Amino acid sequence: MTSIDVKELTKEFSGTRAVDRLTCSIEPGRVTGFLGPNGAGKSTTMRLVLGLDRPTSGTATVGGHPYATLREPLRTVGTLLDAQAAHGSRTARDHLRFLTVSNRLPARRVDEVLQNTGLTAVAHRRIRTFSLGMRQRLGIAAALLGDPPVLMLDEPTNGLDPEGIIWIRHLLRRLAREGRTVLVSSHLMNETAAFADHLVILGKGRLLADIPKQDFIEQHSHPRVRVRTSDPSRLRAALLAQGHTVTEEAGGRWVVDGATAEQIGAAAARESIPVLELTDERASLEQAYLALTAAEAEFAATATAFPTAPQEA
């Protein structure tokens, strides 16, 4: 079992702290979403873990060892930091073959990862002809070459089409089920919600949250219930009598703040009021994330900068 361990990690650039005494562990067997506003220090942290930058202080290790000391790094850590980094004049196959030879990996891995990433049909095309999504798949193929226990992927869904996004979700979940350590940096909250088990959130280089995804959403959710009934006047009267705040919405629905579906369902049952729809509402990951990081964004546009566009029905 191999984890990524960061302890009191600090990195300064010209007096500015990009990473500020960060301590966290990325554990095996789950997908960890690595989140934060632009300038939060996510990319710098990943570069420090991979030995591409030197920390001002603190440590970053993989399986208890600095990355630079790993004898066969591709067999331990698979990374995707920049999908554009592959040499454009090489074919996809040649790019992967170069990596297998230089890292003493078995040649059969080239065909295996090409197949796993859906690139077999374009293996002999030059990389410069690839779309961004195809380059992303190639970068993931390179990360998988050494069959590593640790994966670090920066924005892996960038440029992927809908089929590719579904594929990467299933891939990440499968890798975690196999007991691997999977760290995924992303700005896409909906996608992170679809694949992440755990969240590590940075703001201005500092750790803001290190928590299971569902617990994080629950912490930033205000209980609220939507309910629809064939007898709205009786339901409203019953809920008001119990001290609930009730607001009518379009479509005959009522919104009850500060309550759970279990409470509202029980109240309706006691009065024999038929319920046609009853739904607990919780904040989305995006809403919870924005609530946490509102004061941490380095770049924020004002809401009144441009006129509001009309909404389509």
C-alpha atoms as a PDB file:
ATOM      1  CA  MET A   1       0.000   0.000   0.000  1.00  0.00           C
ATOM      2  CA  THR A   2       1.511   3.318  -1.097  1.00  0.00           C
ATOM      3  CA  SER A   3       0.364   6.740   0.050  1.00  0.00           C
ATOM      4  CA  ILE A   4       1.432  10.286  -0.777  1.00  0.00           C
ATOM      5  CA  ASP A   5       2.463  12.067   2.421  1.00  0.00           C
ATOM      6  CA  VAL A   6       2.997  15.802   2.664  1.00  0.00           C
ATOM      7  CA  LYS A   7       4.278  17.273   5.935  1.00  0.00           C
ATOM      8  CA  GLU A   8       4.652  20.986   6.677  1.00  0.00           C
ATOM      9  CA  LEU A   9       5.329  21.522   2.977  1.00  0.00           C
ATOM     10  CA  THR A  10       6.174  25.115   2.081  1.00  0.00           C
ATOM     11  CA  LYS A  11       7.229  26.687  -1.199  1.00  0.00           C
ATOM     12  CA  GLU A  12       8.051  30.354  -1.665  1.00  0.00           C
ATOM     13  CA  PHE A  13       8.597  32.199  -4.930  1.00  0.00           C
ATOM     14  CA  SER A  14      10.116  35.677  -4.576  1.00  0.00           C
ATOM     15  CA  GLY A  15       8.684  36.070  -1.110  1.00  0.00           C
ATOM     16  CA  THR A  16       5.232  34.743  -2.012  1.00  0.00           C
ATOM     17  CA  ARG A  17       4.097  31.487  -0.427  1.00  0.00           C
ATOM     18  CA  ALA A  18       2.570  29.277  -3.090  1.00  0.00           C
ATOM     19  CA  VAL A  19       2.280  26.409  -0.588  1.00  0.00           C
ATOM     20  CA  ASP A  20       1.989  27.253   3.084  1.00  0.00           C
ATOM     21  CA  ARG A  21       2.879  24.533   5.657  1.00  0.00           C
ATOM     22  CA  LEU A  22       0.668  21.975   3.971  1.00  0.00           C
ATOM     23  CA  THR A  23       0.166  18.637   5.740  1.00  0.00           C
ATOM     24  CA  CYS A  24      -2.036  15.880   4.329  1.00  0.00           C
ATOM     25  CA  SER A  25      -1.978  12.239   3.210  1.00  0.00           C
ATOM     26  CA  ILE A  26      -3.455  10.827   0.013  1.00  0.00           C
ATOM     27  CA  GLU A  27      -4.484   7.299   0.894  1.00  0.00           C
ATOM     28  CA  PRO A  28      -4.817   4.142  -1.232  1.00  0.00           C
ATOM     29  CA  GLY A  29      -8.146   2.651  -2.226  1.00  0.00           C
ATOM     30  CA  ARG A  30      -9.977   5.868  -2.982  1.00  0.00           C
ATOM     31  CA  VAL A  31     -10.046   8.694  -5.513  1.00  0.00           C
ATOM     32  CA  THR A  32      -9.000  11.972  -3.902  1.00  0.00           C
ATOM     33  CA  GLY A  33     -10.171  15.146  -5.603  1.00  0.00           C
ATOM     34  CA  PHE A  34      -7.571  17.901  -5.325  1.00  0.00           C
ATOM     35  CA  LEU A  35      -9.449  21.203  -5.456  1.00  0.00           C
ATOM     36  CA  GLY A  36      -8.849  24.904  -5.047  1.00  0.00           C
ATOM     37  CA  PRO A  37      -9.162  28.225  -6.879  1.00  0.00           C
ATOM     38  CA  ASN A  38      -6.589  29.359  -9.432  1.00  0.00           C
ATOM     39  CA  GLY A  39      -3.361  30.137  -7.599  1.00  0.00           C
ATOM     40  CA  ALA A  40      -4.291  27.910  -4.635  1.00  0.00           C
ATOM     41  CA  GLY A  41      -1.063  25.887  -4.947  1.00  0.00           C
ATOM     42  CA  LYS A  42      -2.374  22.617  -6.392  1.00  0.00           C
ATOM     43  CA  SER A  43       0.015  22.408  -9.350  1.00  0.00           C
ATOM     44  CA  THR A  44       2.946  23.534  -7.220  1.00  0.00           C
ATOM     45  CA  THR A  45       2.165  20.841  -4.659  1.00  0.00           C
ATOM     46  CA  MET A  46       2.077  18.155  -7.344  1.00  0.00           C
ATOM     47  CA  ARG A  47       5.388  19.388  -8.751  1.00  0.00           C
ATOM     48  CA  LEU A  48       6.924  19.286  -5.270  1.00  0.00           C
ATOM     49  CA  VAL A  49       5.745  15.700  -4.760  1.00  0.00           C
ATOM     50  CA  LEU A  50       7.314  14.757  -8.105  1.00  0.00           C
ATOM     51  CA  GLY A  51      10.609  16.497  -7.393  1.00  0.00           C
ATOM     52  CA  LEU A  52      10.142  19.008 -10.209  1.00  0.00           C
ATOM     53  CA  ASP A  53      10.460  21.849  -7.684  1.00  0.00           C
ATOM     54  CA  ARG A  54      12.350  21.916  -4.405  1.00  0.00           C
ATOM     55  CA  PRO A  55      10.427  22.837  -1.262  1.00  0.00           C
ATOM     56  CA  THR A  56      11.466  25.806   0.824  1.00  0.00           C
ATOM     57  CA  SER A  57      10.783  23.577   3.814  1.00  0.00           C
ATOM     58  CA  GLY A  58       8.874  20.444   4.728  1.00  0.00           C
ATOM     59  CA  THR A  59       8.718  17.092   2.954  1.00  0.00           C
ATOM     60  CA  ALA A  60       6.728  15.285   0.273  1.00  0.00           C
ATOM     61  CA  THR A  61       7.104  11.521  -0.106  1.00  0.00           C
ATOM     62  CA  VAL A  62       5.555   8.625  -2.010  1.00  0.00           C
ATOM     63  CA  GLY A  63       5.460   5.394  -0.045  1.00  0.00           C
ATOM     64  CA  GLY A  64       7.778   6.995   2.492  1.00  0.00           C
ATOM     65  CA  HIS A  65      10.423   7.953  -0.074  1.00  0.00           C
ATOM     66  CA  PRO A  66      11.183  11.188  -1.953  1.00  0.00           C
ATOM     67  CA  TYR A  67      10.261  10.758  -5.613  1.00  0.00           C
ATOM     68  CA  ALA A  68      13.833  11.533  -6.714  1.00  0.00           C
ATOM     69  CA  THR A  69      15.124   8.456  -4.851  1.00  0.00           C
ATOM     70  CA  LEU A  70      12.787   5.974  -6.568  1.00  0.00           C
ATOM     71  CA  ARG A  71      14.815   3.514  -8.665  1.00  0.00           C
ATOM     72  CA  GLU A  72      12.022   2.922 -11.196  1.00  0.00           C
ATOM     73  CA  PRO A  73       9.644   5.857 -10.830  1.00  0.00           C
ATOM     74  CA  LEU A  74       7.139   4.827 -13.528  1.00  0.00           C
ATOM     75  CA  ARG A  75       6.574   1.557 -11.665  1.00  0.00           C
ATOM     76  CA  THR A  76       5.614   3.557  -8.564  1.00  0.00           C
ATOM     77  CA  VAL A  77       3.959   6.787  -9.768  1.00  0.00           C
ATOM     78  CA  GLY A  78       2.058   7.472 -12.976  1.00  0.00           C
ATOM     79  CA  THR A  79       1.567  11.161 -13.731  1.00  0.00           C
ATOM     80  CA  LEU A  80      -0.266  13.422 -16.138  1.00  0.00           C
ATOM     81  CA  LEU A  81       0.645  17.069 -15.653  1.00  0.00           C
ATOM     82  CA  ASP A  82       0.689  18.437 -19.197  1.00  0.00           C
ATOM     83  CA  ALA A  83      -0.977  16.648 -22.108  1.00  0.00           C
ATOM     84  CA  GLN A  84       0.934  18.872 -24.552  1.00  0.00           C
ATOM     85  CA  ALA A  85       4.345  17.713 -23.324  1.00  0.00           C
ATOM     86  CA  ALA A  86       4.717  14.751 -25.729  1.00  0.00           C
ATOM     87  CA  HIS A  87       6.943  15.378 -28.779  1.00  0.00           C
ATOM     88  CA  GLY A  88       4.636  16.197 -31.681  1.00  0.00           C
ATOM     89  CA  SER A  89       6.798  14.514 -34.340  1.00  0.00           C
ATOM     90  CA  ARG A  90       6.608  11.105 -32.690  1.00  0.00           C
ATOM     91  CA  THR A  91       3.790   8.655 -33.161  1.00  0.00           C
ATOM     92  CA  ALA A  92       1.771   7.636 -30.125  1.00  0.00           C
ATOM     93  CA  ARG A  93       3.346   4.182 -30.207  1.00  0.00           C
ATOM     94  CA  ASP A  94       6.893   5.551 -30.472  1.00  0.00           C
ATOM     95  CA  HIS A  95       6.275   7.936 -27.577  1.00  0.00           C
ATOM     96  CA  LEU A  96       5.195   5.046 -25.364  1.00  0.00           C
ATOM     97  CA  ARG A  97       7.978   2.757 -26.626  1.00  0.00           C
ATOM     98  CA  PHE A  98      10.554   5.394 -25.690  1.00  0.00           C
ATOM     99  CA  LEU A  99       9.147   5.478 -22.165  1.00  0.00           C
ATOM    100  CA  THR A 100       9.165   1.683 -21.813  1.00  0.00           C
ATOM    101  CA  VAL A 101      12.782   1.384 -22.953  1.00  0.00           C
ATOM    102  CA  SER A 102      14.052   4.266 -20.805  1.00  0.00           C
ATOM    103  CA  ASN A 103      12.250   2.881 -17.748  1.00  0.00           C
ATOM    104  CA  ARG A 104      13.019  -0.805 -18.391  1.00  0.00           C
ATOM    105  CA  LEU A 105       9.351  -1.729 -18.746  1.00  0.00           C
ATOM    106  CA  PRO A 106       8.100  -4.720 -20.763  1.00  0.00           C
ATOM    107  CA  ALA A 107       7.339  -3.862 -24.400  1.00  0.00           C
ATOM    108  CA  ARG A 108       3.912  -5.534 -24.201  1.00  0.00           C
ATOM    109  CA  ARG A 109       2.729  -2.678 -21.990  1.00  0.00           C
ATOM    110  CA  VAL A 110       2.619  -0.358 -25.021  1.00  0.00           C
ATOM    111  CA  ASP A 111      -0.170  -2.303 -26.727  1.00  0.00           C
ATOM    112  CA  GLU A 112      -1.967  -2.867 -23.432  1.00  0.00           C
ATOM    113  CA  VAL A 113      -2.218   0.810 -22.506  1.00  0.00           C
ATOM    114  CA  LEU A 114      -3.051   1.834 -26.082  1.00  0.00           C
ATOM    115  CA  GLN A 115      -5.992  -0.544 -25.922  1.00  0.00           C
ATOM    116  CA  ASN A 116      -6.994   0.533 -22.420  1.00  0.00           C
ATOM    117  CA  THR A 117      -7.129   4.183 -23.481  1.00  0.00           C
ATOM    118  CA  GLY A 118      -8.821   3.633 -26.842  1.00  0.00           C
ATOM    119  CA  LEU A 119      -5.834   4.727 -28.944  1.00  0.00           C
ATOM    120  CA  THR A 120      -4.999   1.498 -30.795  1.00  0.00           C
ATOM    121  CA  ALA A 121      -6.476   2.755 -34.070  1.00  0.00           C
ATOM    122  CA  VAL A 122      -4.337   5.928 -34.017  1.00  0.00           C
ATOM    123  CA  ALA A 123      -1.146   4.400 -32.589  1.00  0.00           C
ATOM    124  CA  HIS A 124       0.851   5.182 -35.763  1.00  0.00           C
ATOM    125  CA  ARG A 125      -0.347   8.771 -36.153  1.00  0.00           C
ATOM    126  CA  ARG A 126       1.961  11.629 -35.226  1.00  0.00           C
ATOM    127  CA  ILE A 127       1.048  13.301 -31.971  1.00  0.00           C
ATOM    128  CA  ARG A 128       0.899  16.750 -33.527  1.00  0.00           C
ATOM    129  CA  THR A 129      -2.225  15.624 -35.415  1.00  0.00           C
ATOM    130  CA  PHE A 130      -3.994  14.664 -32.173  1.00  0.00           C
ATOM    131  CA  SER A 131      -6.836  16.641 -30.685  1.00  0.00           C
ATOM    132  CA  LEU A 132      -6.541  17.758 -27.058  1.00  0.00           C
ATOM    133  CA  GLY A 133      -8.737  14.861 -25.973  1.00  0.00           C
ATOM    134  CA  MET A 134      -6.521  12.349 -27.787  1.00  0.00           C
ATOM    135  CA  ARG A 135      -3.437  13.892 -26.171  1.00  0.00           C
ATOM    136  CA  GLN A 136      -5.135  13.517 -22.795  1.00  0.00           C
ATOM    137  CA  ARG A 137      -5.712   9.823 -23.476  1.00  0.00           C
ATOM    138  CA  LEU A 138      -2.076   9.450 -24.506  1.00  0.00           C
ATOM    139  CA  GLY A 139      -0.940  11.143 -21.310  1.00  0.00           C
ATOM    140  CA  ILE A 140      -3.075   8.749 -19.287  1.00  0.00           C
ATOM    141  CA  ALA A 141      -1.660   5.825 -21.283  1.00  0.00           C
ATOM    142  CA  ALA A 142       1.849   6.973 -20.327  1.00  0.00           C
ATOM    143  CA  ALA A 143       0.811   7.268 -16.683  1.00  0.00           C
ATOM    144  CA  LEU A 144      -0.455   3.659 -16.746  1.00  0.00           C
ATOM    145  CA  LEU A 145       2.608   2.188 -18.478  1.00  0.00           C
ATOM    146  CA  GLY A 146       4.388   1.046 -15.323  1.00  0.00           C
ATOM    147  CA  ASP A 147       1.188  -0.349 -13.747  1.00  0.00           C
ATOM    148  CA  PRO A 148       1.927   1.944 -10.783  1.00  0.00           C
ATOM    149  CA  PRO A 149       0.245   1.886  -7.362  1.00  0.00           C
ATOM    150  CA  VAL A 150       0.033   5.712  -7.377  1.00  0.00           C
ATOM    151  CA  LEU A 151      -1.610   7.946 -10.016  1.00  0.00           C
ATOM    152  CA  MET A 152      -1.385  11.750 -10.051  1.00  0.00           C
ATOM    153  CA  LEU A 153      -3.496  13.359 -12.758  1.00  0.00           C
ATOM    154  CA  ASP A 154      -3.927  17.085 -13.391  1.00  0.00           C
ATOM    155  CA  GLU A 155      -7.225  17.937 -15.148  1.00  0.00           C
ATOM    156  CA  PRO A 156      -7.518  14.525 -16.885  1.00  0.00           C
ATOM    157  CA  THR A 157     -10.968  15.284 -18.366  1.00  0.00           C
ATOM    158  CA  ASN A 158      -9.785  18.434 -20.139  1.00  0.00           C
ATOM    159  CA  GLY A 159     -10.662  18.170 -23.841  1.00  0.00           C
ATOM    160  CA  LEU A 160     -12.444  14.822 -23.565  1.00  0.00           C
ATOM    161  CA  ASP A 161     -15.779  14.296 -25.283  1.00  0.00           C
ATOM    162  CA  PRO A 162     -18.780  12.919 -23.315  1.00  0.00           C
ATOM    163  CA  GLU A 163     -17.787   9.312 -24.023  1.00  0.00           C
ATOM    164  CA  GLY A 164     -14.252  10.073 -22.857  1.00  0.00           C
ATOM    165  CA  ILE A 165     -15.484  11.696 -19.651  1.00  0.00           C
ATOM    166  CA  ILE A 166     -17.574   8.621 -18.802  1.00  0.00           C
ATOM    167  CA  TRP A 167     -14.561   6.434 -19.597  1.00  0.00           C
ATOM    168  CA  ILE A 168     -12.250   8.373 -17.271  1.00  0.00           C
ATOM    169  CA  ARG A 169     -14.795   8.195 -14.453  1.00  0.00           C
ATOM    170  CA  HIS A 170     -14.928   4.398 -14.706  1.00  0.00           C
ATOM    171  CA  LEU A 171     -11.135   4.183 -15.025  1.00  0.00           C
ATOM    172  CA  LEU A 172     -10.507   6.228 -11.887  1.00  0.00           C
ATOM    173  CA  ARG A 173     -13.032   4.237  -9.891  1.00  0.00           C
ATOM    174  CA  ARG A 174     -11.519   0.945 -11.094  1.00  0.00           C
ATOM    175  CA  LEU A 175      -8.001   2.031 -10.184  1.00  0.00           C
ATOM    176  CA  ALA A 176      -9.162   2.938  -6.678  1.00  0.00           C
ATOM    177  CA  ARG A 177     -10.986  -0.388  -6.274  1.00  0.00           C
ATOM    178  CA  GLU A 178      -7.713  -2.119  -7.120  1.00  0.00           C
ATOM    179  CA  GLY A 179      -6.191  -0.456  -4.052  1.00  0.00           C
ATOM    180  CA  ARG A 180      -4.224   2.245  -5.827  1.00  0.00           C
ATOM    181  CA  THR A 181      -3.696   5.802  -4.613  1.00  0.00           C
ATOM    182  CA  VAL A 182      -5.433   8.167  -7.050  1.00  0.00           C
ATOM    183  CA  LEU A 183      -5.025  11.954  -6.824  1.00  0.00           C
ATOM    184  CA  VAL A 184      -6.944  14.029  -9.375  1.00  0.00           C
ATOM    185  CA  SER A 185      -6.678  17.806  -9.623  1.00  0.00           C
ATOM    186  CA  SER A 186      -9.682  19.426 -11.267  1.00  0.00           C
ATOM    187  CA  HIS A 187     -11.683  22.639 -11.612  1.00  0.00           C
ATOM    188  CA  LEU A 188     -14.819  20.782 -12.719  1.00  0.00           C
ATOM    189  CA  MET A 189     -16.997  20.279  -9.660  1.00  0.00           C
ATOM    190  CA  ASN A 190     -19.622  18.124 -11.371  1.00  0.00           C
ATOM    191  CA  GLU A 191     -16.949  15.758 -12.619  1.00  0.00           C
ATOM    192  CA  THR A 192     -15.181  15.648  -9.274  1.00  0.00           C
ATOM    193  CA  ALA A 193     -18.512  14.838  -7.625  1.00  0.00           C
ATOM    194  CA  ALA A 194     -18.912  11.918 -10.047  1.00  0.00           C
ATOM    195  CA  PHE A 195     -15.607  10.183  -9.272  1.00  0.00           C
ATOM    196  CA  ALA A 196     -14.130  11.412  -5.964  1.00  0.00           C
ATOM    197  CA  ASP A 197     -14.462   9.667  -2.592  1.00  0.00           C
ATOM    198  CA  HIS A 198     -12.346  12.139  -0.658  1.00  0.00           C
ATOM    199  CA  LEU A 199     -11.441  15.820  -1.041  1.00  0.00           C
ATOM    200  CA  VAL A 200      -8.329  17.836  -0.313  1.00  0.00           C
ATOM    201  CA  ILE A 201      -9.045  21.546  -0.825  1.00  0.00           C
ATOM    202  CA  LEU A 202      -6.452  24.328  -0.862  1.00  0.00           C
ATOM    203  CA  GLY A 203      -6.806  28.088  -0.670  1.00  0.00           C
ATOM    204  CA  LYS A 204      -3.858  30.436  -1.081  1.00  0.00           C
ATOM    205  CA  GLY A 205      -1.490  27.556  -0.403  1.00  0.00           C
ATOM    206  CA  ARG A 206      -3.162  26.491   2.834  1.00  0.00           C
ATOM    207  CA  LEU A 207      -5.201  23.394   3.608  1.00  0.00           C
ATOM    208  CA  LEU A 208      -8.898  24.270   3.846  1.00  0.00           C
ATOM    209  CA  ALA A 209     -10.380  20.776   3.974  1.00  0.00           C
ATOM    210  CA  ASP A 210      -9.248  17.149   4.070  1.00  0.00           C
ATOM    211  CA  ILE A 211     -12.483  15.207   4.310  1.00  0.00           C
ATOM    212  CA  PRO A 212     -14.710  12.555   2.691  1.00  0.00           C
ATOM    213  CA  LYS A 213     -16.743  14.114  -0.124  1.00  0.00           C
ATOM    214  CA  GLN A 214     -20.145  13.311   1.347  1.00  0.00           C
ATOM    215  CA  ASP A 215     -19.199  14.675   4.771  1.00  0.00           C
ATOM    216  CA  PHE A 216     -17.997  17.879   3.141  1.00  0.00           C
ATOM    217  CA  ILE A 217     -21.275  18.353   1.281  1.00  0.00           C
ATOM    218  CA  GLU A 218     -23.288  17.630   4.444  1.00  0.00           C
ATOM    219  CA  GLN A 219     -21.283  20.198   6.435  1.00  0.00           C
ATOM    220  CA  HIS A 220     -22.099  22.901   3.908  1.00  0.00           C
ATOM    221  CA  SER A 221     -25.755  22.024   3.404  1.00  0.00           C
ATOM    222  CA  HIS A 222     -28.755  23.684   5.022  1.00  0.00           C
ATOM    223  CA  PRO A 223     -31.597  21.150   5.484  1.00  0.00           C
ATOM    224  CA  ARG A 224     -34.452  21.795   3.097  1.00  0.00           C
ATOM    225  CA  VAL A 225     -37.305  19.710   1.742  1.00  0.00           C
ATOM    226  CA  ARG A 226     -39.440  19.949  -1.370  1.00  0.00           C
ATOM    227  CA  VAL A 227     -42.895  18.423  -1.056  1.00  0.00           C
ATOM    228  CA  ARG A 228     -45.977  18.150  -3.266  1.00  0.00           C
ATOM    229  CA  THR A 229     -49.418  17.002  -2.157  1.00  0.00           C
ATOM    230  CA  SER A 230     -52.974  16.794  -3.484  1.00  0.00           C
ATOM    231  CA  ASP A 231     -54.125  18.699  -0.392  1.00  0.00           C
ATOM    232  CA  PRO A 232     -51.747  21.680  -0.117  1.00  0.00           C
ATOM    233  CA  SER A 233     -53.847  23.780   2.239  1.00  0.00           C
ATOM    234  CA  ARG A 234     -54.000  21.042   4.909  1.00  0.00           C
ATOM    235  CA  LEU A 235     -50.310  20.279   4.578  1.00  0.00           C
ATOM    236  CA  ARG A 236     -49.380  23.934   4.861  1.00  0.00           C
ATOM    237  CA  ALA A 237     -51.547  24.364   7.961  1.00  0.00           C
ATOM    238  CA  ALA A 238     -50.076  21.248   9.583  1.00  0.00           C
ATOM    239  CA  LEU A 239     -46.490  22.347   8.933  1.00  0.00           C
ATOM    240  CA  LEU A 240     -47.077  25.918  10.121  1.00  0.00           C
ATOM    241  CA  ALA A 241     -48.657  24.545  13.301  1.00  0.00           C
ATOM    242  CA  GLN A 242     -45.415  22.659  13.966  1.00  0.00           C
ATOM    243  CA  GLY A 243     -43.338  25.813  13.497  1.00  0.00           C
ATOM    244  CA  HIS A 244     -41.942  25.093  10.035  1.00  0.00           C
ATOM    245  CA  THR A 245     -41.248  27.819   7.470  1.00  0.00           C
ATOM    246  CA  VAL A 246     -43.153  26.982   4.298  1.00  0.00           C
ATOM    247  CA  THR A 247     -42.802  28.647   0.880  1.00  0.00           C
ATOM    248  CA  GLU A 248     -44.872  27.893  -2.197  1.00  0.00           C
ATOM    249  CA  GLU A 249     -43.107  27.233  -5.508  1.00  0.00           C
ATOM    250  CA  ALA A 250     -44.299  26.848  -9.086  1.00  0.00           C
ATOM    251  CA  GLY A 251     -45.806  23.492  -9.993  1.00  0.00           C
ATOM    252  CA  GLY A 252     -47.701  23.080  -6.724  1.00  0.00           C
ATOM    253  CA  ARG A 253     -44.576  22.310  -4.675  1.00  0.00           C
ATOM    254  CA  TRP A 254     -43.804  23.580  -1.206  1.00  0.00           C
ATOM    255  CA  VAL A 255     -40.343  24.242   0.186  1.00  0.00           C
ATOM    256  CA  VAL A 256     -39.768  23.668   3.891  1.00  0.00           C
ATOM    257  CA  ASP A 257     -36.550  25.142   5.287  1.00  0.00           C
ATOM    258  CA  GLY A 258     -34.688  23.594   8.198  1.00  0.00           C
ATOM    259  CA  ALA A 259     -36.413  20.221   7.932  1.00  0.00           C
ATOM    260  CA  THR A 260     -35.748  16.740   6.593  1.00  0.00           C
ATOM    261  CA  ALA A 261     -37.914  14.574   4.378  1.00  0.00           C
ATOM    262  CA  GLU A 262     -38.306  12.145   7.283  1.00  0.00           C
ATOM    263  CA  GLN A 263     -39.791  14.886   9.481  1.00  0.00           C
ATOM    264  CA  ILE A 264     -42.148  16.196   6.816  1.00  0.00           C
ATOM    265  CA  GLY A 265     -43.243  12.709   5.808  1.00  0.00           C
ATOM    266  CA  ALA A 266     -44.046  11.861   9.420  1.00  0.00           C
ATOM    267  CA  ALA A 267     -46.011  15.094   9.855  1.00  0.00           C
ATOM    268  CA  ALA A 268     -48.068  14.364   6.750  1.00  0.00           C
ATOM    269  CA  ALA A 269     -48.695  10.767   7.842  1.00  0.00           C
ATOM    270  CA  ARG A 270     -49.985  11.858  11.259  1.00  0.00           C
ATOM    271  CA  GLU A 271     -52.596  14.052   9.556  1.00  0.00           C
ATOM    272  CA  SER A 272     -53.341  11.450   6.835  1.00  0.00           C
ATOM    273  CA  ILE A 273     -52.319  13.941   4.144  1.00  0.00           C
ATOM    274  CA  PRO A 274     -51.372  12.288   0.813  1.00  0.00           C
ATOM    275  CA  VAL A 275     -47.841  13.082  -0.360  1.00  0.00           C
ATOM    276  CA  LEU A 276     -47.070  12.905  -4.088  1.00  0.00           C
ATOM    277  CA  GLU A 277     -43.446  14.030  -3.927  1.00  0.00           C
ATOM    278  CA  LEU A 278     -40.972  14.374  -1.072  1.00  0.00           C
ATOM    279  CA  THR A 279     -37.307  15.233  -1.602  1.00  0.00           C
ATOM    280  CA  ASP A 280     -34.433  16.133   0.705  1.00  0.00           C
ATOM    281  CA  GLU A 281     -32.283  18.886  -0.774  1.00  0.00           C
ATOM    282  CA  ARG A 282     -28.583  19.197  -0.109  1.00  0.00           C
ATOM    283  CA  ALA A 283     -25.955  21.490  -1.515  1.00  0.00           C
ATOM    284  CA  SER A 284     -24.113  20.265  -4.574  1.00  0.00           C
ATOM    285  CA  LEU A 285     -20.348  19.848  -4.375  1.00  0.00           C
ATOM    286  CA  GLU A 286     -20.021  23.055  -6.390  1.00  0.00           C
ATOM    287  CA  GLN A 287     -22.165  25.012  -3.918  1.00  0.00           C
ATOM    288  CA  ALA A 288     -20.312  23.589  -0.925  1.00  0.00           C
ATOM    289  CA  TYR A 289     -16.937  24.302  -2.552  1.00  0.00           C
ATOM    290  CA  LEU A 290     -17.867  27.907  -3.378  1.00  0.00           C
ATOM    291  CA  ALA A 291     -19.102  28.460   0.163  1.00  0.00           C
ATOM    292  CA  LEU A 292     -15.736  27.334   1.507  1.00  0.00           C
ATOM    293  CA  THR A 293     -13.461  29.090  -0.987  1.00  0.00           C
ATOM    294  CA  ALA A 294     -15.321  32.377  -1.579  1.00  0.00           C
ATOM    295  CA  ALA A 295     -12.667  34.355   0.295  1.00  0.00           C
ATOM    296  CA  GLU A 296      -9.746  32.381  -1.145  1.00  0.00           C
ATOM    297  CA  ALA A 297     -10.092  33.103  -4.876  1.00  0.00           C
ATOM    298  CA  GLU A 298      -7.181  35.092  -6.262  1.00  0.00           C
ATOM    299  CA  PHE A 299      -9.146  36.193  -9.334  1.00  0.00           C
ATOM    300  CA  ALA A 300     -12.834  37.061  -8.935  1.00  0.00           C
ATOM    301  CA  ALA A 301     -15.033  38.976 -11.378  1.00  0.00           C
ATOM    302  CA  THR A 302     -17.815  41.224 -10.117  1.00  0.00           C
ATOM    303  CA  ALA A 303     -21.334  40.070 -10.848  1.00  0.00           C
ATOM    304  CA  THR A 304     -22.303  43.490 -12.286  1.00  0.00           C
ATOM    305  CA  ALA A 305     -19.508  43.728 -14.835  1.00  0.00           C
ATOM    306  CA  PHE A 306     -21.717  42.634 -17.739  1.00  0.00           C
ATOM    307  CA  PRO A 307     -25.461  42.709 -18.377  1.00  0.00           C
ATOM    308  CA  THR A 308     -27.304  39.505 -17.573  1.00  0.00           C
ATOM    309  CA  ALA A 309     -28.106  37.425 -20.653  1.00  0.00           C
ATOM    310  CA  PRO A 310     -31.710  36.269 -21.054  1.00  0.00           C
ATOM    311  CA  GLN A 311     -32.353  32.726 -19.837  1.00  0.00           C
ATOM    312  CA  GLU A 312     -33.738  30.192 -22.292  1.00  0.00           C
ATOM    313  CA  ALA A 313     -36.698  28.171 -21.114  1.00  0.00           C
END
